């Protein structure tokens, strides 16, 4: 049985911000990057542990996929994948993931 993908509001905002930023230079590449991110989540439906454990947390249920220079972070739950955030590799990690350190 496939896992269901659920996007957090913060992750949706991240995607919108990424698209807006890239679109300043190229609408084509903005669309391509966003599509690639969404395609990456499709693999998670069947293979939820395909991503690596987020090194800063070391928690088995919080993982990430690298898509271009973005970290697509997600939490594996019962038959559900919660997309937590999509952040640039150089962005401050602690600002985004603070709540998941203790949960």
Protein backbone atom coordinates (compact mmCIF):
# COMPACT_ATOMS: atom_id res chain seq x y z
CA UNK A 1 0.00 0.00 0.00
CA UNK A 2 1.32 3.42 -0.97
CA UNK A 3 1.93 6.21 1.49
CA UNK A 4 -0.07 9.41 1.18
CA UNK A 5 1.83 12.66 0.63
CA UNK A 6 0.77 15.63 2.77
CA UNK A 7 2.33 19.08 2.41
CA UNK A 8 2.68 21.36 5.43
CA UNK A 9 1.66 24.99 4.87
CA UNK A 10 5.30 25.97 5.47
CA UNK A 11 6.50 23.63 2.72
CA UNK A 12 3.96 25.07 0.28
CA UNK A 13 5.20 28.56 1.14
CA UNK A 14 8.77 27.36 0.55
CA UNK A 15 7.83 26.09 -2.93
CA UNK A 16 6.11 29.37 -3.78
CA UNK A 17 9.13 31.37 -2.62
CA UNK A 18 11.52 29.19 -4.61
CA UNK A 19 9.42 29.60 -7.75
CA UNK A 20 9.17 33.38 -7.30
CA UNK A 21 12.91 33.71 -6.77
CA UNK A 22 13.91 31.64 -9.80
CA UNK A 23 11.19 33.23 -11.93
CA UNK A 24 12.98 36.58 -11.66
CA UNK A 25 15.50 35.15 -14.11
CA UNK A 26 13.56 32.43 -15.90
CA UNK A 27 9.96 31.31 -15.81
CA UNK A 28 11.02 28.12 -17.61
CA UNK A 29 13.59 27.12 -14.96
CA UNK A 30 11.28 28.06 -12.10
CA UNK A 31 8.69 25.65 -13.46
CA UNK A 32 11.33 22.96 -14.08
CA UNK A 33 12.68 23.14 -10.52
CA UNK A 34 9.24 23.05 -8.93
CA UNK A 35 8.22 20.12 -11.14
CA UNK A 36 11.38 18.23 -10.18
CA UNK A 37 10.61 18.76 -6.48
CA UNK A 38 7.07 17.44 -6.90
CA UNK A 39 8.35 14.47 -8.92
CA UNK A 40 10.77 13.61 -6.12
CA UNK A 41 7.88 13.34 -3.65
CA UNK A 42 6.11 10.84 -5.89
CA UNK A 43 8.89 8.31 -5.26
CA UNK A 44 8.23 8.59 -1.54
CA UNK A 45 4.78 7.03 -1.93
CA UNK A 46 6.35 3.64 -2.55
CA UNK A 47 9.79 4.15 -1.02
CA UNK A 48 9.42 6.38 2.05
CA UNK A 49 12.92 5.66 3.35
CA UNK A 50 14.69 6.50 0.10
CA UNK A 51 15.94 9.76 1.61
CA UNK A 52 18.72 10.01 4.14
CA UNK A 53 18.14 10.72 7.81
CA UNK A 54 18.57 14.46 8.38
CA UNK A 55 22.10 14.56 9.81
CA UNK A 56 21.45 17.48 12.16
CA UNK A 57 18.62 15.58 13.87
CA UNK A 58 19.59 11.93 13.63
CA UNK A 59 15.94 10.87 13.92
CA UNK A 60 14.93 7.86 11.81
CA UNK A 61 11.51 9.30 10.94
CA UNK A 62 12.76 12.68 9.64
CA UNK A 63 14.52 12.36 6.29
CA UNK A 64 15.46 14.41 3.29
CA UNK A 65 15.95 14.22 -0.43
CA UNK A 66 18.29 16.56 -2.24
CA UNK A 67 16.74 18.13 -5.34
CA UNK A 68 19.16 20.44 -7.12
CA UNK A 69 20.42 22.65 -4.28
CA UNK A 70 17.30 22.18 -2.14
CA UNK A 71 16.71 19.95 0.86
CA UNK A 72 13.24 18.42 0.71
CA UNK A 73 12.61 17.43 4.33
CA UNK A 74 9.87 15.04 5.30
CA UNK A 75 8.58 12.99 8.21
CA UNK A 76 7.54 9.37 7.79
CA UNK A 77 4.36 8.64 9.70
CA UNK A 78 1.85 5.78 9.59
CA UNK A 79 1.10 5.43 5.88
CA UNK A 80 1.73 9.15 5.44
CA UNK A 81 4.63 11.31 4.36
CA UNK A 82 4.51 14.85 5.75
CA UNK A 83 6.58 17.28 3.70
CA UNK A 84 8.01 19.58 6.35
CA UNK A 85 10.11 22.04 4.37
CA UNK A 86 11.95 22.69 1.14
CA UNK A 87 14.98 24.81 1.91
CA UNK A 88 18.05 25.90 0.04
CA UNK A 89 21.16 24.06 1.16
CA UNK A 90 22.73 27.33 2.35
CA UNK A 91 19.67 28.53 4.29
CA UNK A 92 19.74 28.53 8.09
CA UNK A 93 18.58 25.05 9.08
CA UNK A 94 17.66 25.80 12.70
CA UNK A 95 15.08 28.41 11.73
CA UNK A 96 13.11 25.86 9.75
CA UNK A 97 13.30 22.64 11.73
CA UNK A 98 13.32 23.79 15.38
CA UNK A 99 10.02 22.13 16.30
CA UNK A 100 11.12 18.73 15.02
CA UNK A 101 14.17 18.54 17.28
CA UNK A 102 12.09 17.60 20.30
CA UNK A 103 9.07 15.85 18.81
